[in-house]
Every structure is written in structure tokens, then in C-alpha cells.
Amino acid sequence: MIMDRIALVLAIIGGLNWGCVGLFRFDVVAWLFGGQTATVSRVVYTLVGLAAIWCISLLFRSDAVADEG
């Protein structure tokens, strides 16, 4: 399902961003879009959060994404 893949990509981007924050104290999203409070940054943070919530559903599905192909 395409939505699963989009959510997974966004969750990975969020995880990598948090890794950069934890290791280097550098927020890539804030740097790219003009700070943590910039509207675009907040939209990206929201999309990543929603994607993570969507990815939780992947844990509880009986029809795994791998079954599609």
C-alpha cells in the first residue's frame, strides 16, 4: 500500500532527524525550513508525527506489506 510506504519514509526521516538532534544537537528540519517555529517546519513535524502513528498500525496488521509483491 502506497500510504504505508509514504508513512514509513516520513517516519525514517523523522528518526534520522532525531538522531542528528541527539548526536550533534542539529535539527535538520529546522535548519532547512527556517527554525522550529516556522510554519513549514511545523507542518513537516506534524506529518512525521502522523506518519509515526500510521506506522503503529503496521505492527498490528495480519496482512503484511511484504505479502503484496
PDB file of N, CA and C in Angstrom:
ATOM      1  N   MET A   1       0.852  -1.180   0.000  1.00  0.00           N
ATOM      2  CA  MET A   1       0.000   0.000   0.000  1.00  0.00           C
ATOM      3  C   MET A   1       0.894   1.238   0.000  1.00  0.00           C
ATOM      4  N   ILE A   2       0.570   2.175  -0.854  1.00  0.00           N
ATOM      5  CA  ILE A   2       1.396   3.368  -1.032  1.00  0.00           C
ATOM      6  C   ILE A   2       1.434   4.226   0.239  1.00  0.00           C
ATOM      7  N   MET A   3       0.304   4.279   0.952  1.00  0.00           N
ATOM      8  CA  MET A   3       0.262   5.074   2.185  1.00  0.00           C
ATOM      9  C   MET A   3       1.240   4.520   3.222  1.00  0.00           C
ATOM     10  N   ASP A   4       1.377   3.206   3.287  1.00  0.00           N
ATOM     11  CA  ASP A   4       2.324   2.582   4.217  1.00  0.00           C
ATOM     12  C   ASP A   4       3.754   2.995   3.893  1.00  0.00           C
ATOM     13  N   ARG A   5       4.069   3.005   2.616  1.00  0.00           N
ATOM     14  CA  ARG A   5       5.433   3.374   2.207  1.00  0.00           C
ATOM     15  C   ARG A   5       5.725   4.847   2.484  1.00  0.00           C
ATOM     16  N   ILE A   6       4.768   5.709   2.203  1.00  0.00           N
ATOM     17  CA  ILE A   6       4.945   7.138   2.478  1.00  0.00           C
ATOM     18  C   ILE A   6       5.139   7.358   3.972  1.00  0.00           C
ATOM     19  N   ALA A   7       4.298   6.709   4.769  1.00  0.00           N
ATOM     20  CA  ALA A   7       4.406   6.848   6.220  1.00  0.00           C
ATOM     21  C   ALA A   7       5.747   6.326   6.716  1.00  0.00           C
ATOM     22  N   LEU A   8       6.202   5.217   6.166  1.00  0.00           N
ATOM     23  CA  LEU A   8       7.478   4.660   6.576  1.00  0.00           C
ATOM     24  C   LEU A   8       8.632   5.590   6.218  1.00  0.00           C
ATOM     25  N   VAL A   9       8.609   6.172   5.031  1.00  0.00           N
ATOM     26  CA  VAL A   9       9.655   7.114   4.625  1.00  0.00           C
ATOM     27  C   VAL A   9       9.663   8.330   5.543  1.00  0.00           C
ATOM     28  N   LEU A  10       8.485   8.872   5.845  1.00  0.00           N
ATOM     29  CA  LEU A  10       8.416  10.027   6.737  1.00  0.00           C
ATOM     30  C   LEU A  10       8.883   9.684   8.148  1.00  0.00           C
ATOM     31  N   ALA A  11       8.545   8.499   8.629  1.00  0.00           N
ATOM     32  CA  ALA A  11       8.993   8.081   9.959  1.00  0.00           C
ATOM     33  C   ALA A  11      10.512   7.907   9.982  1.00  0.00           C
ATOM     34  N   ILE A  12      11.080   7.396   8.913  1.00  0.00           N
ATOM     35  CA  ILE A  12      12.536   7.260   8.830  1.00  0.00           C
ATOM     36  C   ILE A  12      13.196   8.627   8.809  1.00  0.00           C
ATOM     37  N   ILE A  13      12.640   9.560   8.039  1.00  0.00           N
ATOM     38  CA  ILE A  13      13.176  10.923   8.022  1.00  0.00           C
ATOM     39  C   ILE A  13      13.131  11.525   9.416  1.00  0.00           C
ATOM     40  N   GLY A  14      12.017  11.328  10.119  1.00  0.00           N
ATOM     41  CA  GLY A  14      11.908  11.832  11.487  1.00  0.00           C
ATOM     42  C   GLY A  14      12.921  11.188  12.413  1.00  0.00           C
ATOM     43  N   GLY A  15      13.117   9.885  12.267  1.00  0.00           N
ATOM     44  CA  GLY A  15      14.095   9.191  13.095  1.00  0.00           C
ATOM     45  C   GLY A  15      15.504   9.680  12.836  1.00  0.00           C
ATOM     46  N   LEU A  16      15.842   9.893  11.575  1.00  0.00           N
ATOM     47  CA  LEU A  16      17.165  10.419  11.249  1.00  0.00           C
ATOM     48  C   LEU A  16      17.352  11.836  11.791  1.00  0.00           C
ATOM     49  N   ASN A  17      16.291  12.637  11.711  1.00  0.00           N
ATOM     50  CA  ASN A  17      16.373  13.989  12.262  1.00  0.00           C
ATOM     51  C   ASN A  17      16.606  13.940  13.770  1.00  0.00           C
ATOM     52  N   TRP A  18      15.871  13.082  14.476  1.00  0.00           N
ATOM     53  CA  TRP A  18      16.067  12.956  15.924  1.00  0.00           C
ATOM     54  C   TRP A  18      17.448  12.408  16.248  1.00  0.00           C
ATOM     55  N   GLY A  19      17.973  11.543  15.404  1.00  0.00           N
ATOM     56  CA  GLY A  19      19.334  11.059  15.590  1.00  0.00           C
ATOM     57  C   GLY A  19      20.335  12.196  15.502  1.00  0.00           C
ATOM     58  N   CYS A  20      20.126  13.080  14.545  1.00  0.00           N
ATOM     59  CA  CYS A  20      21.007  14.252  14.416  1.00  0.00           C
ATOM     60  C   CYS A  20      20.873  15.182  15.614  1.00  0.00           C
ATOM     61  N   VAL A  21      19.658  15.337  16.112  1.00  0.00           N
ATOM     62  CA  VAL A  21      19.458  16.173  17.306  1.00  0.00           C
ATOM     63  C   VAL A  21      20.172  15.555  18.497  1.00  0.00           C
ATOM     64  N   GLY A  22      20.035  14.247  18.671  1.00  0.00           N
ATOM     65  CA  GLY A  22      20.647  13.582  19.808  1.00  0.00           C
ATOM     66  C   GLY A  22      22.157  13.531  19.744  1.00  0.00           C
ATOM     67  N   LEU A  23      22.699  13.266  18.578  1.00  0.00           N
ATOM     68  CA  LEU A  23      24.148  13.116  18.447  1.00  0.00           C
ATOM     69  C   LEU A  23      24.880  14.435  18.260  1.00  0.00           C
ATOM     70  N   PHE A  24      24.290  15.324  17.467  1.00  0.00           N
ATOM     71  CA  PHE A  24      25.009  16.535  17.075  1.00  0.00           C
ATOM     72  C   PHE A  24      24.336  17.835  17.506  1.00  0.00           C
ATOM     73  N   ARG A  25      23.188  17.728  18.175  1.00  0.00           N
ATOM     74  CA  ARG A  25      22.399  18.915  18.554  1.00  0.00           C
ATOM     75  C   ARG A  25      22.089  19.782  17.337  1.00  0.00           C
ATOM     76  N   PHE A  26      21.750  19.105  16.250  1.00  0.00           N
ATOM     77  CA  PHE A  26      21.464  19.785  14.989  1.00  0.00           C
ATOM     78  C   PHE A  26      20.132  19.289  14.448  1.00  0.00           C
ATOM     79  N   ASP A  27      19.167  20.190  14.351  1.00  0.00           N
ATOM     80  CA  ASP A  27      17.833  19.868  13.837  1.00  0.00           C
ATOM     81  C   ASP A  27      17.811  20.186  12.347  1.00  0.00           C
ATOM     82  N   VAL A  28      17.853  19.139  11.526  1.00  0.00           N
ATOM     83  CA  VAL A  28      17.919  19.303  10.074  1.00  0.00           C
ATOM     84  C   VAL A  28      16.662  19.997   9.543  1.00  0.00           C
ATOM     85  N   VAL A  29      15.499  19.602  10.040  1.00  0.00           N
ATOM     86  CA  VAL A  29      14.245  20.202   9.576  1.00  0.00           C
ATOM     87  C   VAL A  29      14.226  21.693   9.876  1.00  0.00           C
ATOM     88  N   ALA A  30      14.590  22.071  11.085  1.00  0.00           N
ATOM     89  CA  ALA A  30      14.617  23.489  11.451  1.00  0.00           C
ATOM     90  C   ALA A  30      15.627  24.248  10.598  1.00  0.00           C
ATOM     91  N   TRP A  31      16.758  23.629  10.345  1.00  0.00           N
ATOM     92  CA  TRP A  31      17.789  24.264   9.528  1.00  0.00           C
ATOM     93  C   TRP A  31      17.306  24.475   8.097  1.00  0.00           C
ATOM     94  N   LEU A  32      16.632  23.486   7.545  1.00  0.00           N
ATOM     95  CA  LEU A  32      16.167  23.581   6.162  1.00  0.00           C
ATOM     96  C   LEU A  32      15.034  24.579   5.981  1.00  0.00           C
ATOM     97  N   PHE A  33      14.155  24.667   6.978  1.00  0.00           N
ATOM     98  CA  PHE A  33      12.923  25.426   6.785  1.00  0.00           C
ATOM     99  C   PHE A  33      12.792  26.670   7.657  1.00  0.00           C
ATOM    100  N   GLY A  34      13.863  27.128   8.283  1.00  0.00           N
ATOM    101  CA  GLY A  34      13.845  28.422   8.954  1.00  0.00           C
ATOM    102  C   GLY A  34      13.513  28.412  10.424  1.00  0.00           C
ATOM    103  N   GLY A  35      13.858  27.373  11.139  1.00  0.00           N
ATOM    104  CA  GLY A  35      13.641  27.326  12.582  1.00  0.00           C
ATOM    105  C   GLY A  35      12.499  26.418  12.970  1.00  0.00           C
ATOM    106  N   GLN A  36      12.488  26.045  14.254  1.00  0.00           N
ATOM    107  CA  GLN A  36      11.485  25.110  14.743  1.00  0.00           C
ATOM    108  C   GLN A  36      10.077  25.673  14.728  1.00  0.00           C
ATOM    109  N   THR A  37       9.950  26.982  14.842  1.00  0.00           N
ATOM    110  CA  THR A  37       8.612  27.572  14.894  1.00  0.00           C
ATOM    111  C   THR A  37       8.113  28.037  13.533  1.00  0.00           C
ATOM    112  N   ALA A  38       8.910  27.884  12.488  1.00  0.00           N
ATOM    113  CA  ALA A  38       8.462  28.263  11.140  1.00  0.00           C
ATOM    114  C   ALA A  38       7.297  27.356  10.733  1.00  0.00           C
ATOM    115  N   THR A  39       6.388  27.906   9.989  1.00  0.00           N
ATOM    116  CA  THR A  39       5.194  27.173   9.594  1.00  0.00           C
ATOM    117  C   THR A  39       5.535  25.893   8.834  1.00  0.00           C
ATOM    118  N   VAL A  40       6.472  25.969   7.906  1.00  0.00           N
ATOM    119  CA  VAL A  40       6.829  24.783   7.122  1.00  0.00           C
ATOM    120  C   VAL A  40       7.433  23.714   8.025  1.00  0.00           C
ATOM    121  N   SER A  41       8.272  24.116   8.966  1.00  0.00           N
ATOM    122  CA  SER A  41       8.855  23.151   9.904  1.00  0.00           C
ATOM    123  C   SER A  41       7.771  22.476  10.719  1.00  0.00           C
ATOM    124  N   ARG A  42       6.828  23.243  11.189  1.00  0.00           N
ATOM    125  CA  ARG A  42       5.739  22.667  11.986  1.00  0.00           C
ATOM    126  C   ARG A  42       4.894  21.698  11.170  1.00  0.00           C
ATOM    127  N   VAL A  43       4.697  22.007   9.894  1.00  0.00           N
ATOM    128  CA  VAL A  43       3.964  21.092   9.012  1.00  0.00           C
ATOM    129  C   VAL A  43       4.747  19.791   8.855  1.00  0.00           C
ATOM    130  N   VAL A  44       6.060  19.887   8.640  1.00  0.00           N
ATOM    131  CA  VAL A  44       6.891  18.696   8.498  1.00  0.00           C
ATOM    132  C   VAL A  44       6.846  17.875   9.783  1.00  0.00           C
ATOM    133  N   TYR A  45       7.009  18.526  10.942  1.00  0.00           N
ATOM    134  CA  TYR A  45       6.953  17.808  12.216  1.00  0.00           C
ATOM    135  C   TYR A  45       5.602  17.104  12.380  1.00  0.00           C
ATOM    136  N   THR A  46       4.523  17.773  12.005  1.00  0.00           N
ATOM    137  CA  THR A  46       3.189  17.185  12.118  1.00  0.00           C
ATOM    138  C   THR A  46       3.025  15.987  11.199  1.00  0.00           C
ATOM    139  N   LEU A  47       3.495  16.110   9.960  1.00  0.00           N
ATOM    140  CA  LEU A  47       3.412  14.993   9.020  1.00  0.00           C
ATOM    141  C   LEU A  47       4.223  13.796   9.504  1.00  0.00           C
ATOM    142  N   VAL A  48       5.401  14.047  10.061  1.00  0.00           N
ATOM    143  CA  VAL A  48       6.226  12.959  10.583  1.00  0.00           C
ATOM    144  C   VAL A  48       5.524  12.284  11.764  1.00  0.00           C
ATOM    145  N   GLY A  49       4.922  13.081  12.627  1.00  0.00           N
ATOM    146  CA  GLY A  49       4.183  12.520  13.762  1.00  0.00           C
ATOM    147  C   GLY A  49       2.991  11.689  13.321  1.00  0.00           C
ATOM    148  N   LEU A  50       2.246  12.180  12.348  1.00  0.00           N
ATOM    149  CA  LEU A  50       1.116  11.421  11.828  1.00  0.00           C
ATOM    150  C   LEU A  50       1.579  10.138  11.145  1.00  0.00           C
ATOM    151  N   ALA A  51       2.710  10.222  10.448  1.00  0.00           N
ATOM    152  CA  ALA A  51       3.263   9.028   9.808  1.00  0.00           C
ATOM    153  C   ALA A  51       3.652   7.985  10.846  1.00  0.00           C
ATOM    154  N   ALA A  52       4.229   8.433  11.949  1.00  0.00           N
ATOM    155  CA  ALA A  52       4.601   7.502  13.011  1.00  0.00           C
ATOM    156  C   ALA A  52       3.365   6.816  13.592  1.00  0.00           C
ATOM    157  N   ILE A  53       2.298   7.574  13.771  1.00  0.00           N
ATOM    158  CA  ILE A  53       1.048   6.984  14.266  1.00  0.00           C
ATOM    159  C   ILE A  53       0.528   5.960  13.266  1.00  0.00           C
ATOM    160  N   TRP A  54       0.597   6.284  11.986  1.00  0.00           N
ATOM    161  CA  TRP A  54       0.167   5.342  10.947  1.00  0.00           C
ATOM    162  C   TRP A  54       1.008   4.070  10.998  1.00  0.00           C
ATOM    163  N   CYS A  55       2.320   4.221  11.213  1.00  0.00           N
ATOM    164  CA  CYS A  55       3.221   3.064  11.249  1.00  0.00           C
ATOM    165  C   CYS A  55       2.925   2.135  12.425  1.00  0.00           C
ATOM    166  N   ILE A  56       2.332   2.665  13.481  1.00  0.00           N
ATOM    167  CA  ILE A  56       1.928   1.808  14.597  1.00  0.00           C
ATOM    168  C   ILE A  56       0.941   0.750  14.097  1.00  0.00           C
ATOM    169  N   SER A  57       0.081   1.152  13.168  1.00  0.00           N
ATOM    170  CA  SER A  57      -0.898   0.196  12.641  1.00  0.00           C
ATOM    171  C   SER A  57      -0.229  -0.959  11.904  1.00  0.00           C
ATOM    172  N   LEU A  58       0.956  -0.747  11.369  1.00  0.00           N
ATOM    173  CA  LEU A  58       1.679  -1.813  10.671  1.00  0.00           C
ATOM    174  C   LEU A  58       2.017  -2.968  11.614  1.00  0.00           C
ATOM    175  N   LEU A  59       2.199  -2.657  12.877  1.00  0.00           N
ATOM    176  CA  LEU A  59       2.539  -3.689  13.852  1.00  0.00           C
ATOM    177  C   LEU A  59       1.395  -4.661  14.101  1.00  0.00           C
ATOM    178  N   PHE A  60       0.166  -4.195  13.909  1.00  0.00           N
ATOM    179  CA  PHE A  60      -0.998  -4.983  14.283  1.00  0.00           C
ATOM    180  C   PHE A  60      -1.773  -5.545  13.097  1.00  0.00           C
ATOM    181  N   ARG A  61      -1.254  -5.386  11.906  1.00  0.00           N
ATOM    182  CA  ARG A  61      -1.938  -5.903  10.721  1.00  0.00           C
ATOM    183  C   ARG A  61      -1.540  -7.347  10.482  1.00  0.00           C
ATOM    184  N   SER A  62      -2.498  -8.135  10.036  1.00  0.00           N
ATOM    185  CA  SER A  62      -2.171  -9.524   9.696  1.00  0.00           C
ATOM    186  C   SER A  62      -1.701  -9.647   8.251  1.00  0.00           C
ATOM    187  N   ASP A  63      -2.109  -8.697   7.396  1.00  0.00           N
ATOM    188  CA  ASP A  63      -1.655  -8.706   6.007  1.00  0.00           C
ATOM    189  C   ASP A  63      -0.463  -7.776   5.864  1.00  0.00           C
ATOM    190  N   ALA A  64       0.731  -8.319   6.016  1.00  0.00           N
ATOM    191  CA  ALA A  64       1.962  -7.541   5.992  1.00  0.00           C
ATOM    192  C   ALA A  64       2.178  -6.950   4.599  1.00  0.00           C
ATOM    193  N   VAL A  65       2.931  -5.853   4.553  1.00  0.00           N
ATOM    194  CA  VAL A  65       3.239  -5.175   3.298  1.00  0.00           C
ATOM    195  C   VAL A  65       3.986  -6.127   2.361  1.00  0.00           C
ATOM    196  N   ALA A  66       4.804  -7.004   2.894  1.00  0.00           N
ATOM    197  CA  ALA A  66       5.581  -7.937   2.066  1.00  0.00           C
ATOM    198  C   ALA A  66       4.682  -8.902   1.297  1.00  0.00           C
ATOM    199  N   ASP A  67       3.454  -9.099   1.750  1.00  0.00           N
ATOM    200  CA  ASP A  67       2.535 -10.011   1.081  1.00  0.00           C
ATOM    201  C   ASP A  67       2.003  -9.460  -0.244  1.00  0.00           C
ATOM    202  N   GLU A  68       2.167  -8.148  -0.462  1.00  0.00           N
ATOM    203  CA  GLU A  68       1.656  -7.518  -1.678  1.00  0.00           C
ATOM    204  C   GLU A  68       2.391  -7.981  -2.921  1.00  0.00           C
ATOM    205  N   GLY A  69       3.709  -8.143  -2.829  1.00  0.00           N
ATOM    206  CA  GLY A  69       4.512  -8.400  -4.018  1.00  0.00           C
ATOM    207  C   GLY A  69       4.642  -9.807  -4.260  1.00  0.00           C
TER     208      GLY A  69
END
